[in-house]
Amino acid sequence: MNQFINIAVVGLGQVGIYLLNEIKTKKKDIELKTGKKIKIVAISAKNINKKRKFKVNKKIFFKNPLKIFENIKVDILFEAIGLSDGISKKVVETALKNKIHVITPNKALISKHGDYLAKLAEDNNVNLEFEASVAGGIPILRTIKEGLVTNKISKVYGILNGTSNYILTDMRDSKDSFANVLKRAQKLGYAEPGNPKLDLNGFDAFAKVRILSALAFNTKISKHKCLMEGIEKVESKDIEIANQLNLRIKLLGISQIINGRLFETVHPCLVSKNSYIGNVTGVMNAVIIEGKPVGESILQGEGAGPGPTSSSLLSDLLSILRGNIKKTFWYF
């Protein structure tokens, strides 16, 4: 890799804008730690005139992100649009075919097309990195891929959706209804103001479970239908009854091998008040890994928001800048 690295950022929502700012303010630090000089050469979003926290450089702006590949040499591309198909997939696909490293927080895209995109990355000898797609700022994927690489993992589970965890925590503390607590979560920015359905019905957590399974158990991303239930039907009285029994309700994502078969589920679970997972509150995420010989490992941290997400995106960037060219998954 050359000393000078050209970077493109596609998608200028909360995450994209925060990331751009982080790259600009940490340029010298990144150069010091990697020996590489980075430069933002292209940015793309649907609307150049949308109100953003800082001025968008119109000289490097592309309304159509696919035009970037025709006009500019790019070494690393960040995809922060967030769709599982359409332009998100097309941008990532095109970048990999053009031998450009891709970094994305897009769990919907990876959980649906990760196998295909990983093969493309492999064929073109570039990285497809998605640490930020699971548990925000918690380095869970790198822990499985590198820190625990020789362990035989039997189970990965935890709180994978901060929105649901915040709502269940607030319902318990305030004794208020699901509807009222959801409104508060939306006002605070913890839940989507328009349609928070994917956080509440378990889909968001389930996409993350599928990514965790592929890495933990060296399998292709599973396509079979599994039990998926969210928190929409949880009522105040359920939480009160659980409390009387010294229990708490948590939405857990679970992936485990039982008798040689993979089981993946997302559903509200009753857990002891005295357990570790029972005391993970608010928007926090926690992931527990059971394996041999390591035993039980626990990682906890903020699972959502532009700050934690950008932290993981930048860790992927530095990994690539240091020349860490590696397989996306192990099964190819």
C-alpha atoms as a PDB file:
ATOM      1  CA  MET A   1       0.000   0.000   0.000  1.00  0.00           C
ATOM      2  CA  ASN A   2       1.278   3.480  -0.878  1.00  0.00           C
ATOM      3  CA  GLN A   3       2.164   6.041   1.752  1.00  0.00           C
ATOM      4  CA  PHE A   4      -0.673   8.278   0.477  1.00  0.00           C
ATOM      5  CA  ILE A   5      -4.157   6.824   0.898  1.00  0.00           C
ATOM      6  CA  ASN A   6      -7.309   8.181  -0.758  1.00  0.00           C
ATOM      7  CA  ILE A   7     -10.575   7.742   1.152  1.00  0.00           C
ATOM      8  CA  ALA A   8     -14.217   8.046   0.059  1.00  0.00           C
ATOM      9  CA  VAL A   9     -17.196   8.319   2.430  1.00  0.00           C
ATOM     10  CA  VAL A  10     -20.604   7.380   1.019  1.00  0.00           C
ATOM     11  CA  GLY A  11     -23.608   8.314   3.171  1.00  0.00           C
ATOM     12  CA  LEU A  12     -23.632  11.510   5.241  1.00  0.00           C
ATOM     13  CA  GLY A  13     -26.152  10.741   7.954  1.00  0.00           C
ATOM     14  CA  GLN A  14     -25.251  10.939  11.644  1.00  0.00           C
ATOM     15  CA  VAL A  15     -22.547   8.278  11.358  1.00  0.00           C
ATOM     16  CA  GLY A  16     -21.043   9.538   8.077  1.00  0.00           C
ATOM     17  CA  ILE A  17     -20.740  13.144   9.285  1.00  0.00           C
ATOM     18  CA  TYR A  18     -19.289  12.114  12.669  1.00  0.00           C
ATOM     19  CA  LEU A  19     -16.814   9.830  10.913  1.00  0.00           C
ATOM     20  CA  LEU A  20     -15.680  12.587   8.518  1.00  0.00           C
ATOM     21  CA  ASN A  21     -15.027  14.891  11.450  1.00  0.00           C
ATOM     22  CA  GLU A  22     -13.084  12.154  13.310  1.00  0.00           C
ATOM     23  CA  ILE A  23     -10.896  11.464  10.265  1.00  0.00           C
ATOM     24  CA  LYS A  24     -10.140  15.183   9.851  1.00  0.00           C
ATOM     25  CA  THR A  25      -9.286  15.785  13.513  1.00  0.00           C
ATOM     26  CA  LYS A  26      -7.242  12.582  13.894  1.00  0.00           C
ATOM     27  CA  LYS A  27      -5.242  12.740  10.653  1.00  0.00           C
ATOM     28  CA  LYS A  28      -1.886  13.328  12.395  1.00  0.00           C
ATOM     29  CA  ASP A  29      -2.568  10.647  15.000  1.00  0.00           C
ATOM     30  CA  ILE A  30      -3.449   8.134  12.249  1.00  0.00           C
ATOM     31  CA  GLU A  31      -0.251   9.023  10.339  1.00  0.00           C
ATOM     32  CA  LEU A  32       1.809   8.607  13.499  1.00  0.00           C
ATOM     33  CA  LYS A  33       0.328   5.157  14.212  1.00  0.00           C
ATOM     34  CA  THR A  34       0.382   3.783  10.657  1.00  0.00           C
ATOM     35  CA  GLY A  35       2.947   5.767   8.666  1.00  0.00           C
ATOM     36  CA  LYS A  36       0.219   6.565   6.110  1.00  0.00           C
ATOM     37  CA  LYS A  37      -1.041   9.987   4.991  1.00  0.00           C
ATOM     38  CA  ILE A  38      -4.813   9.908   4.420  1.00  0.00           C
ATOM     39  CA  LYS A  39      -6.906  12.228   2.310  1.00  0.00           C
ATOM     40  CA  ILE A  40     -10.691  12.438   1.833  1.00  0.00           C
ATOM     41  CA  VAL A  41     -11.067  12.582  -1.957  1.00  0.00           C
ATOM     42  CA  ALA A  42     -14.804  11.899  -2.342  1.00  0.00           C
ATOM     43  CA  ILE A  43     -18.017  12.172  -0.332  1.00  0.00           C
ATOM     44  CA  SER A  44     -21.529  11.274  -1.394  1.00  0.00           C
ATOM     45  CA  ALA A  45     -25.103  11.738  -0.193  1.00  0.00           C
ATOM     46  CA  LYS A  46     -28.542  12.168  -1.715  1.00  0.00           C
ATOM     47  CA  ASN A  47     -28.820  15.852  -0.802  1.00  0.00           C
ATOM     48  CA  ILE A  48     -25.892  18.275  -0.774  1.00  0.00           C
ATOM     49  CA  ASN A  49     -28.018  21.047   0.771  1.00  0.00           C
ATOM     50  CA  LYS A  50     -29.247  19.124   3.811  1.00  0.00           C
ATOM     51  CA  LYS A  51     -28.428  20.867   7.115  1.00  0.00           C
ATOM     52  CA  ARG A  52     -25.291  19.307   8.571  1.00  0.00           C
ATOM     53  CA  LYS A  53     -23.008  20.189  11.494  1.00  0.00           C
ATOM     54  CA  PHE A  54     -20.205  21.341   9.210  1.00  0.00           C
ATOM     55  CA  LYS A  55     -19.816  22.563   5.658  1.00  0.00           C
ATOM     56  CA  VAL A  56     -19.654  19.927   2.954  1.00  0.00           C
ATOM     57  CA  ASN A  57     -16.795  20.375   0.468  1.00  0.00           C
ATOM     58  CA  LYS A  58     -18.666  20.704  -2.842  1.00  0.00           C
ATOM     59  CA  LYS A  59     -15.503  20.087  -4.866  1.00  0.00           C
ATOM     60  CA  ILE A  60     -15.412  16.439  -3.787  1.00  0.00           C
ATOM     61  CA  PHE A  61     -19.180  15.852  -3.523  1.00  0.00           C
ATOM     62  CA  PHE A  62     -20.935  13.242  -5.688  1.00  0.00           C
ATOM     63  CA  LYS A  63     -24.715  12.910  -5.706  1.00  0.00           C
ATOM     64  CA  ASN A  64     -24.357   9.543  -7.466  1.00  0.00           C
ATOM     65  CA  PRO A  65     -21.746   7.510  -5.538  1.00  0.00           C
ATOM     66  CA  LEU A  66     -21.117   5.228  -8.528  1.00  0.00           C
ATOM     67  CA  LYS A  67     -19.591   8.216 -10.369  1.00  0.00           C
ATOM     68  CA  ILE A  68     -16.768   8.213  -7.814  1.00  0.00           C
ATOM     69  CA  PHE A  69     -15.279   5.080  -9.398  1.00  0.00           C
ATOM     70  CA  GLU A  70     -15.228   6.704 -12.849  1.00  0.00           C
ATOM     71  CA  ASN A  71     -13.491   9.905 -11.765  1.00  0.00           C
ATOM     72  CA  ILE A  72     -11.171   9.343  -8.824  1.00  0.00           C
ATOM     73  CA  LYS A  73      -8.617   6.833  -7.529  1.00  0.00           C
ATOM     74  CA  VAL A  74      -9.888   5.529  -4.181  1.00  0.00           C
ATOM     75  CA  ASP A  75      -8.009   3.124  -1.886  1.00  0.00           C
ATOM     76  CA  ILE A  76     -10.542   2.756   0.960  1.00  0.00           C
ATOM     77  CA  LEU A  77     -14.301   3.355   0.882  1.00  0.00           C
ATOM     78  CA  PHE A  78     -16.644   3.780   3.839  1.00  0.00           C
ATOM     79  CA  GLU A  79     -20.272   2.795   3.117  1.00  0.00           C
ATOM     80  CA  ALA A  80     -22.634   4.391   5.646  1.00  0.00           C
ATOM     81  CA  ILE A  81     -25.934   4.411   3.746  1.00  0.00           C
ATOM     82  CA  GLY A  82     -27.404   1.515   5.692  1.00  0.00           C
ATOM     83  CA  LEU A  83     -29.641  -0.376   3.246  1.00  0.00           C
ATOM     84  CA  SER A  84     -29.427  -4.145   2.721  1.00  0.00           C
ATOM     85  CA  ASP A  85     -29.884  -3.834  -1.035  1.00  0.00           C
ATOM     86  CA  GLY A  86     -30.039  -1.203  -3.773  1.00  0.00           C
ATOM     87  CA  ILE A  87     -27.364   1.490  -3.802  1.00  0.00           C
ATOM     88  CA  SER A  88     -25.630   0.230  -0.618  1.00  0.00           C
ATOM     89  CA  LYS A  89     -24.975  -3.169  -2.145  1.00  0.00           C
ATOM     90  CA  LYS A  90     -24.048  -1.706  -5.538  1.00  0.00           C
ATOM     91  CA  VAL A  91     -21.486   0.699  -4.050  1.00  0.00           C
ATOM     92  CA  VAL A  92     -19.798  -2.004  -1.948  1.00  0.00           C
ATOM     93  CA  GLU A  93     -19.857  -4.495  -4.823  1.00  0.00           C
ATOM     94  CA  THR A  94     -18.358  -1.984  -7.274  1.00  0.00           C
ATOM     95  CA  ALA A  95     -15.651  -0.911  -4.818  1.00  0.00           C
ATOM     96  CA  LEU A  96     -14.538  -4.497  -4.139  1.00  0.00           C
ATOM     97  CA  LYS A  97     -14.475  -5.311  -7.873  1.00  0.00           C
ATOM     98  CA  ASN A  98     -12.238  -2.251  -8.320  1.00  0.00           C
ATOM     99  CA  LYS A  99      -9.829  -3.571  -5.665  1.00  0.00           C
ATOM    100  CA  ILE A 100     -10.875  -0.959  -3.101  1.00  0.00           C
ATOM    101  CA  HIS A 101     -11.017  -1.866   0.610  1.00  0.00           C
ATOM    102  CA  VAL A 102     -14.497  -1.409   2.109  1.00  0.00           C
ATOM    103  CA  ILE A 103     -15.442  -0.529   5.698  1.00  0.00           C
ATOM    104  CA  THR A 104     -19.112  -0.501   6.708  1.00  0.00           C
ATOM    105  CA  PRO A 105     -21.317  -0.453   9.826  1.00  0.00           C
ATOM    106  CA  ASN A 106     -24.164  -1.922   7.731  1.00  0.00           C
ATOM    107  CA  LYS A 107     -25.387  -5.087   9.517  1.00  0.00           C
ATOM    108  CA  ALA A 108     -28.419  -5.438   7.213  1.00  0.00           C
ATOM    109  CA  LEU A 109     -26.120  -5.641   4.183  1.00  0.00           C
ATOM    110  CA  ILE A 110     -23.596  -8.026   5.781  1.00  0.00           C
ATOM    111  CA  SER A 111     -26.195 -10.361   7.306  1.00  0.00           C
ATOM    112  CA  LYS A 112     -27.910 -10.682   3.909  1.00  0.00           C
ATOM    113  CA  HIS A 113     -25.042 -10.545   1.386  1.00  0.00           C
ATOM    114  CA  GLY A 114     -21.922 -11.073   3.540  1.00  0.00           C
ATOM    115  CA  ASP A 115     -20.954 -14.399   1.930  1.00  0.00           C
ATOM    116  CA  TYR A 116     -21.081 -13.015  -1.609  1.00  0.00           C
ATOM    117  CA  LEU A 117     -19.301  -9.755  -0.728  1.00  0.00           C
ATOM    118  CA  ALA A 118     -16.637 -11.582   1.317  1.00  0.00           C
ATOM    119  CA  LYS A 119     -15.876 -13.803  -1.705  1.00  0.00           C
ATOM    120  CA  LEU A 120     -15.550 -10.684  -3.883  1.00  0.00           C
ATOM    121  CA  ALA A 121     -13.105  -9.167  -1.372  1.00  0.00           C
ATOM    122  CA  GLU A 122     -11.147 -12.430  -1.286  1.00  0.00           C
ATOM    123  CA  ASP A 123     -10.962 -12.666  -5.087  1.00  0.00           C
ATOM    124  CA  ASN A 124      -9.667  -9.088  -5.325  1.00  0.00           C
ATOM    125  CA  ASN A 125      -7.255  -9.321  -2.376  1.00  0.00           C
ATOM    126  CA  VAL A 126      -8.878  -6.479  -0.429  1.00  0.00           C
ATOM    127  CA  ASN A 127     -10.574  -6.248   2.964  1.00  0.00           C
ATOM    128  CA  LEU A 128     -14.273  -6.095   3.744  1.00  0.00           C
ATOM    129  CA  GLU A 129     -14.429  -4.811   7.335  1.00  0.00           C
ATOM    130  CA  PHE A 130     -17.606  -4.451   9.438  1.00  0.00           C
ATOM    131  CA  GLU A 131     -16.615  -4.286  13.121  1.00  0.00           C
ATOM    132  CA  ALA A 132     -19.172  -1.500  13.652  1.00  0.00           C
ATOM    133  CA  SER A 133     -22.053  -3.671  12.390  1.00  0.00           C
ATOM    134  CA  VAL A 134     -22.369  -5.529  15.717  1.00  0.00           C
ATOM    135  CA  ALA A 135     -22.486  -3.886  19.164  1.00  0.00           C
ATOM    136  CA  GLY A 136     -21.314  -0.410  18.095  1.00  0.00           C
ATOM    137  CA  GLY A 137     -18.041   0.463  19.798  1.00  0.00           C
ATOM    138  CA  ILE A 138     -17.443  -2.969  21.368  1.00  0.00           C
ATOM    139  CA  PRO A 139     -14.621  -4.769  19.460  1.00  0.00           C
ATOM    140  CA  ILE A 140     -16.531  -8.060  19.487  1.00  0.00           C
ATOM    141  CA  LEU A 141     -15.828  -9.214  15.920  1.00  0.00           C
ATOM    142  CA  ARG A 142     -12.089  -8.557  16.215  1.00  0.00           C
ATOM    143  CA  THR A 143     -12.094 -10.374  19.555  1.00  0.00           C
ATOM    144  CA  ILE A 144     -13.613 -13.477  17.918  1.00  0.00           C
ATOM    145  CA  LYS A 145     -11.494 -13.270  14.737  1.00  0.00           C
ATOM    146  CA  GLU A 146      -8.172 -12.504  16.404  1.00  0.00           C
ATOM    147  CA  GLY A 147      -8.179 -12.609  20.222  1.00  0.00           C
ATOM    148  CA  LEU A 148     -10.071 -15.912  20.509  1.00  0.00           C
ATOM    149  CA  VAL A 149      -9.094 -17.356  17.140  1.00  0.00           C
ATOM    150  CA  THR A 150      -7.869 -20.756  18.444  1.00  0.00           C
ATOM    151  CA  ASN A 151     -10.782 -21.274  20.855  1.00  0.00           C
ATOM    152  CA  LYS A 152     -13.644 -23.652  20.181  1.00  0.00           C
ATOM    153  CA  ILE A 153     -16.659 -21.425  20.784  1.00  0.00           C
ATOM    154  CA  SER A 154     -19.908 -23.121  21.815  1.00  0.00           C
ATOM    155  CA  LYS A 155     -22.161 -20.144  22.529  1.00  0.00           C
ATOM    156  CA  VAL A 156     -22.384 -16.387  21.893  1.00  0.00           C
ATOM    157  CA  TYR A 157     -25.221 -14.412  23.417  1.00  0.00           C
ATOM    158  CA  GLY A 158     -26.122 -11.059  24.866  1.00  0.00           C
ATOM    159  CA  ILE A 159     -27.897  -7.736  24.632  1.00  0.00           C
ATOM    160  CA  LEU A 160     -27.363  -6.608  21.047  1.00  0.00           C
ATOM    161  CA  ASN A 161     -29.881  -3.790  20.730  1.00  0.00           C
ATOM    162  CA  GLY A 162     -29.469  -0.673  22.864  1.00  0.00           C
ATOM    163  CA  THR A 163     -32.903   0.739  22.010  1.00  0.00           C
ATOM    164  CA  SER A 164     -34.746  -2.304  23.361  1.00  0.00           C
ATOM    165  CA  ASN A 165     -32.542  -2.457  26.440  1.00  0.00           C
ATOM    166  CA  TYR A 166     -33.168   1.222  27.185  1.00  0.00           C
ATOM    167  CA  ILE A 167     -36.956   0.760  26.877  1.00  0.00           C
ATOM    168  CA  LEU A 168     -37.029  -2.314  29.130  1.00  0.00           C
ATOM    169  CA  THR A 169     -34.830  -0.542  31.699  1.00  0.00           C
ATOM    170  CA  ASP A 170     -36.976   2.606  31.688  1.00  0.00           C
ATOM    171  CA  MET A 171     -40.229   0.597  31.914  1.00  0.00           C
ATOM    172  CA  ARG A 172     -38.823  -1.142  34.990  1.00  0.00           C
ATOM    173  CA  ASP A 173     -37.590   2.059  36.669  1.00  0.00           C
ATOM    174  CA  SER A 174     -40.498   4.361  35.816  1.00  0.00           C
ATOM    175  CA  LYS A 175     -43.289   1.732  35.845  1.00  0.00           C
ATOM    176  CA  ASP A 176     -44.561   3.519  32.740  1.00  0.00           C
ATOM    177  CA  SER A 177     -46.165   1.958  29.637  1.00  0.00           C
ATOM    178  CA  PHE A 178     -44.273   0.712  26.566  1.00  0.00           C
ATOM    179  CA  ALA A 179     -45.836   3.458  24.389  1.00  0.00           C
ATOM    180  CA  ASN A 180     -44.792   6.305  26.728  1.00  0.00           C
ATOM    181  CA  VAL A 181     -41.269   4.988  27.203  1.00  0.00           C
ATOM    182  CA  LEU A 182     -40.873   4.570  23.438  1.00  0.00           C
ATOM    183  CA  LYS A 183     -41.789   8.249  22.965  1.00  0.00           C
ATOM    184  CA  ARG A 184     -39.099   9.214  25.474  1.00  0.00           C
ATOM    185  CA  ALA A 185     -36.550   7.020  23.700  1.00  0.00           C
ATOM    186  CA  GLN A 186     -37.404   8.726  20.403  1.00  0.00           C
ATOM    187  CA  LYS A 187     -37.008  12.193  21.939  1.00  0.00           C
ATOM    188  CA  LEU A 188     -33.603  11.230  23.334  1.00  0.00           C
ATOM    189  CA  GLY A 189     -32.490   9.860  19.955  1.00  0.00           C
ATOM    190  CA  TYR A 190     -32.246   6.247  21.178  1.00  0.00           C
ATOM    191  CA  ALA A 191     -35.075   5.119  18.875  1.00  0.00           C
ATOM    192  CA  GLU A 192     -35.779   6.123  15.287  1.00  0.00           C
ATOM    193  CA  PRO A 193     -38.264   9.031  15.281  1.00  0.00           C
ATOM    194  CA  GLY A 194     -40.117   7.737  12.217  1.00  0.00           C
ATOM    195  CA  ASN A 195     -40.174   3.956  12.266  1.00  0.00           C
ATOM    196  CA  PRO A 196     -38.342   2.184  15.123  1.00  0.00           C
ATOM    197  CA  LYS A 197     -39.834  -1.189  14.122  1.00  0.00           C
ATOM    198  CA  LEU A 198     -36.553  -2.962  13.263  1.00  0.00           C
ATOM    199  CA  ASP A 199     -35.156  -2.230  16.735  1.00  0.00           C
ATOM    200  CA  LEU A 200     -38.331  -3.290  18.521  1.00  0.00           C
ATOM    201  CA  ASN A 201     -39.319  -6.441  16.592  1.00  0.00           C
ATOM    202  CA  GLY A 202     -35.937  -8.158  17.046  1.00  0.00           C
ATOM    203  CA  PHE A 203     -34.738  -7.859  13.434  1.00  0.00           C
ATOM    204  CA  ASP A 204     -31.786  -5.588  14.242  1.00  0.00           C
ATOM    205  CA  ALA A 205     -30.510  -7.978  16.920  1.00  0.00           C
ATOM    206  CA  PHE A 206     -31.141 -10.967  14.647  1.00  0.00           C
ATOM    207  CA  ALA A 207     -29.005  -9.530  11.822  1.00  0.00           C
ATOM    208  CA  LYS A 208     -26.179  -9.178  14.364  1.00  0.00           C
ATOM    209  CA  VAL A 209     -26.680 -12.753  15.626  1.00  0.00           C
ATOM    210  CA  ARG A 210     -26.210 -14.072  12.098  1.00  0.00           C
ATOM    211  CA  ILE A 211     -22.926 -12.190  11.685  1.00  0.00           C
ATOM    212  CA  LEU A 212     -21.690 -13.418  15.079  1.00  0.00           C
ATOM    213  CA  SER A 213     -22.599 -17.021  14.188  1.00  0.00           C
ATOM    214  CA  ALA A 214     -20.631 -16.961  10.936  1.00  0.00           C
ATOM    215  CA  LEU A 215     -17.499 -15.738  12.712  1.00  0.00           C
ATOM    216  CA  ALA A 216     -17.823 -17.787  15.915  1.00  0.00           C
ATOM    217  CA  PHE A 217     -18.643 -21.105  14.206  1.00  0.00           C
ATOM    218  CA  ASN A 218     -16.870 -20.756  10.832  1.00  0.00           C
ATOM    219  CA  THR A 219     -20.098 -21.206   8.906  1.00  0.00           C
ATOM    220  CA  LYS A 220     -21.772 -19.402   6.058  1.00  0.00           C
ATOM    221  CA  ILE A 221     -24.324 -16.811   7.137  1.00  0.00           C
ATOM    222  CA  SER A 222     -27.417 -18.852   7.887  1.00  0.00           C
ATOM    223  CA  LYS A 223     -30.559 -18.364   5.831  1.00  0.00           C
ATOM    224  CA  HIS A 224     -32.982 -20.626   7.702  1.00  0.00           C
ATOM    225  CA  LYS A 225     -35.974 -19.203   9.563  1.00  0.00           C
ATOM    226  CA  CYS A 226     -35.475 -18.960  13.297  1.00  0.00           C
ATOM    227  CA  LEU A 227     -37.343 -17.781  16.343  1.00  0.00           C
ATOM    228  CA  MET A 228     -37.422 -13.982  16.355  1.00  0.00           C
ATOM    229  CA  GLU A 229     -39.574 -12.011  18.746  1.00  0.00           C
ATOM    230  CA  GLY A 230     -39.149  -8.408  19.884  1.00  0.00           C
ATOM    231  CA  ILE A 231     -40.339  -6.419  22.884  1.00  0.00           C
ATOM    232  CA  GLU A 232     -43.500  -4.845  21.432  1.00  0.00           C
ATOM    233  CA  LYS A 233     -45.791  -7.107  23.482  1.00  0.00           C
ATOM    234  CA  VAL A 234     -44.001  -6.602  26.805  1.00  0.00           C
ATOM    235  CA  GLU A 235     -46.257  -4.799  29.279  1.00  0.00           C
ATOM    236  CA  SER A 236     -45.607  -3.072  32.611  1.00  0.00           C
ATOM    237  CA  LYS A 237     -47.317  -5.910  34.473  1.00  0.00           C
ATOM    238  CA  ASP A 238     -44.892  -8.441  32.905  1.00  0.00           C
ATOM    239  CA  ILE A 239     -41.959  -6.466  34.236  1.00  0.00           C
ATOM    240  CA  GLU A 240     -43.602  -6.138  37.663  1.00  0.00           C
ATOM    241  CA  ILE A 241     -44.282  -9.891  37.940  1.00  0.00           C
ATOM    242  CA  ALA A 242     -40.689 -10.640  36.876  1.00  0.00           C
ATOM    243  CA  ASN A 243     -39.469  -8.209  39.536  1.00  0.00           C
ATOM    244  CA  GLN A 244     -41.448 -10.019  42.234  1.00  0.00           C
ATOM    245  CA  LEU A 245     -39.743 -13.263  41.202  1.00  0.00           C
ATOM    246  CA  ASN A 246     -36.303 -11.627  41.465  1.00  0.00           C
ATOM    247  CA  LEU A 247     -36.030 -11.648  37.668  1.00  0.00           C
ATOM    248  CA  ARG A 248     -35.623  -9.115  34.874  1.00  0.00           C
ATOM    249  CA  ILE A 249     -36.754  -9.159  31.237  1.00  0.00           C
ATOM    250  CA  LYS A 250     -33.981  -8.702  28.657  1.00  0.00           C
ATOM    251  CA  LEU A 251     -34.073  -9.017  24.869  1.00  0.00           C
ATOM    252  CA  LEU A 252     -31.286 -11.486  24.133  1.00  0.00           C
ATOM    253  CA  GLY A 253     -29.725 -12.595  20.892  1.00  0.00           C
ATOM    254  CA  ILE A 254     -28.425 -16.171  21.217  1.00  0.00           C
ATOM    255  CA  SER A 255     -26.302 -18.282  18.893  1.00  0.00           C
ATOM    256  CA  GLN A 256     -25.144 -21.719  19.967  1.00  0.00           C
ATOM    257  CA  ILE A 257     -24.185 -25.182  18.762  1.00  0.00           C
ATOM    258  CA  ILE A 258     -26.334 -27.970  20.225  1.00  0.00           C
ATOM    259  CA  ASN A 259     -25.632 -31.566  19.149  1.00  0.00           C
ATOM    260  CA  GLY A 260     -23.714 -30.314  16.142  1.00  0.00           C
ATOM    261  CA  ARG A 261     -26.511 -28.014  14.950  1.00  0.00           C
ATOM    262  CA  LEU A 262     -26.621 -24.225  14.914  1.00  0.00           C
ATOM    263  CA  PHE A 263     -29.478 -22.547  16.798  1.00  0.00           C
ATOM    264  CA  GLU A 264     -30.055 -18.786  16.488  1.00  0.00           C
ATOM    265  CA  THR A 265     -32.790 -16.959  18.406  1.00  0.00           C
ATOM    266  CA  VAL A 266     -33.809 -13.468  19.472  1.00  0.00           C
ATOM    267  CA  HIS A 267     -36.508 -13.111  22.118  1.00  0.00           C
ATOM    268  CA  PRO A 268     -37.288 -11.565  25.518  1.00  0.00           C
ATOM    269  CA  CYS A 269     -35.768 -13.713  28.280  1.00  0.00           C
ATOM    270  CA  LEU A 270     -36.193 -13.901  32.051  1.00  0.00           C
ATOM    271  CA  VAL A 271     -32.804 -13.502  33.717  1.00  0.00           C
ATOM    272  CA  SER A 272     -31.828 -13.341  37.381  1.00  0.00           C
ATOM    273  CA  LYS A 273     -31.407  -9.922  38.986  1.00  0.00           C
ATOM    274  CA  ASN A 274     -28.119 -11.255  40.348  1.00  0.00           C
ATOM    275  CA  SER A 275     -26.735 -12.248  36.937  1.00  0.00           C
ATOM    276  CA  TYR A 276     -24.262 -10.131  34.984  1.00  0.00           C
ATOM    277  CA  ILE A 277     -26.601  -9.728  32.020  1.00  0.00           C
ATOM    278  CA  GLY A 278     -29.486  -8.761  34.314  1.00  0.00           C
ATOM    279  CA  ASN A 279     -27.556  -5.680  35.403  1.00  0.00           C
ATOM    280  CA  VAL A 280     -26.679  -4.314  31.960  1.00  0.00           C
ATOM    281  CA  THR A 281     -28.962  -1.276  31.755  1.00  0.00           C
ATOM    282  CA  GLY A 282     -29.885   1.637  29.493  1.00  0.00           C
ATOM    283  CA  VAL A 283     -28.510   1.709  25.954  1.00  0.00           C
ATOM    284  CA  MET A 284     -25.579  -0.542  26.851  1.00  0.00           C
ATOM    285  CA  ASN A 285     -24.801  -3.735  24.935  1.00  0.00           C
ATOM    286  CA  ALA A 286     -23.078  -6.797  26.366  1.00  0.00           C
ATOM    287  CA  VAL A 287     -21.829  -9.913  24.597  1.00  0.00           C
ATOM    288  CA  ILE A 288     -20.865 -13.134  26.388  1.00  0.00           C
ATOM    289  CA  ILE A 289     -18.724 -15.754  24.643  1.00  0.00           C
ATOM    290  CA  GLU A 290     -18.369 -19.303  25.945  1.00  0.00           C
ATOM    291  CA  GLY A 291     -15.475 -21.318  24.581  1.00  0.00           C
ATOM    292  CA  LYS A 292     -12.591 -23.654  25.268  1.00  0.00           C
ATOM    293  CA  PRO A 293     -10.020 -23.150  26.669  1.00  0.00           C
ATOM    294  CA  VAL A 294     -10.876 -19.485  27.417  1.00  0.00           C
ATOM    295  CA  GLY A 295     -14.062 -20.190  29.422  1.00  0.00           C
ATOM    296  CA  GLU A 296     -16.449 -17.233  29.614  1.00  0.00           C
ATOM    297  CA  SER A 297     -15.529 -13.821  28.178  1.00  0.00           C
ATOM    298  CA  ILE A 298     -17.706 -10.711  28.543  1.00  0.00           C
ATOM    299  CA  LEU A 299     -17.523  -7.491  26.549  1.00  0.00           C
ATOM    300  CA  GLN A 300     -19.747  -4.532  27.437  1.00  0.00           C
ATOM    301  CA  GLY A 301     -20.077  -1.020  26.044  1.00  0.00           C
ATOM    302  CA  GLU A 302     -22.196   1.425  24.106  1.00  0.00           C
ATOM    303  CA  GLY A 303     -23.845  -0.375  21.245  1.00  0.00           C
ATOM    304  CA  ALA A 304     -25.174   2.490  19.169  1.00  0.00           C
ATOM    305  CA  GLY A 305     -24.693   6.136  18.247  1.00  0.00           C
ATOM    306  CA  PRO A 306     -22.236   7.889  15.923  1.00  0.00           C
ATOM    307  CA  GLY A 307     -19.428   8.021  18.532  1.00  0.00           C
ATOM    308  CA  PRO A 308     -19.118   4.292  19.338  1.00  0.00           C
ATOM    309  CA  THR A 309     -19.811   3.395  15.683  1.00  0.00           C
ATOM    310  CA  SER A 310     -17.043   5.709  14.441  1.00  0.00           C
ATOM    311  CA  SER A 311     -14.659   4.230  17.011  1.00  0.00           C
ATOM    312  CA  SER A 312     -15.107   0.797  15.398  1.00  0.00           C
ATOM    313  CA  LEU A 313     -14.951   2.210  11.854  1.00  0.00           C
ATOM    314  CA  LEU A 314     -11.623   3.871  12.611  1.00  0.00           C
ATOM    315  CA  SER A 315     -10.233   0.693  14.187  1.00  0.00           C
ATOM    316  CA  ASP A 316     -11.012  -1.059  10.876  1.00  0.00           C
ATOM    317  CA  LEU A 317      -9.314   1.777   8.990  1.00  0.00           C
ATOM    318  CA  LEU A 318      -6.111   1.502  11.039  1.00  0.00           C
ATOM    319  CA  SER A 319      -6.100  -2.276  10.634  1.00  0.00           C
ATOM    320  CA  ILE A 320      -6.072  -1.855   6.840  1.00  0.00           C
ATOM    321  CA  LEU A 321      -3.529   0.987   6.922  1.00  0.00           C
ATOM    322  CA  ARG A 322      -1.154  -1.254   8.878  1.00  0.00           C
ATOM    323  CA  GLY A 323      -1.310  -3.761   6.012  1.00  0.00           C
ATOM    324  CA  ASN A 324      -3.481  -6.275   7.837  1.00  0.00           C
ATOM    325  CA  ILE A 325      -4.962  -7.893   4.717  1.00  0.00           C
ATOM    326  CA  LYS A 326      -7.052 -10.805   5.946  1.00  0.00           C
ATOM    327  CA  LYS A 327      -9.967 -13.078   5.195  1.00  0.00           C
ATOM    328  CA  THR A 328     -13.440 -11.759   5.969  1.00  0.00           C
ATOM    329  CA  PHE A 329     -14.666 -15.187   7.076  1.00  0.00           C
ATOM    330  CA  TRP A 330     -12.665 -18.401   7.517  1.00  0.00           C
ATOM    331  CA  TYR A 331     -14.697 -20.892   5.501  1.00  0.00           C
ATOM    332  CA  PHE A 332     -13.537 -20.026   1.966  1.00  0.00           C
END
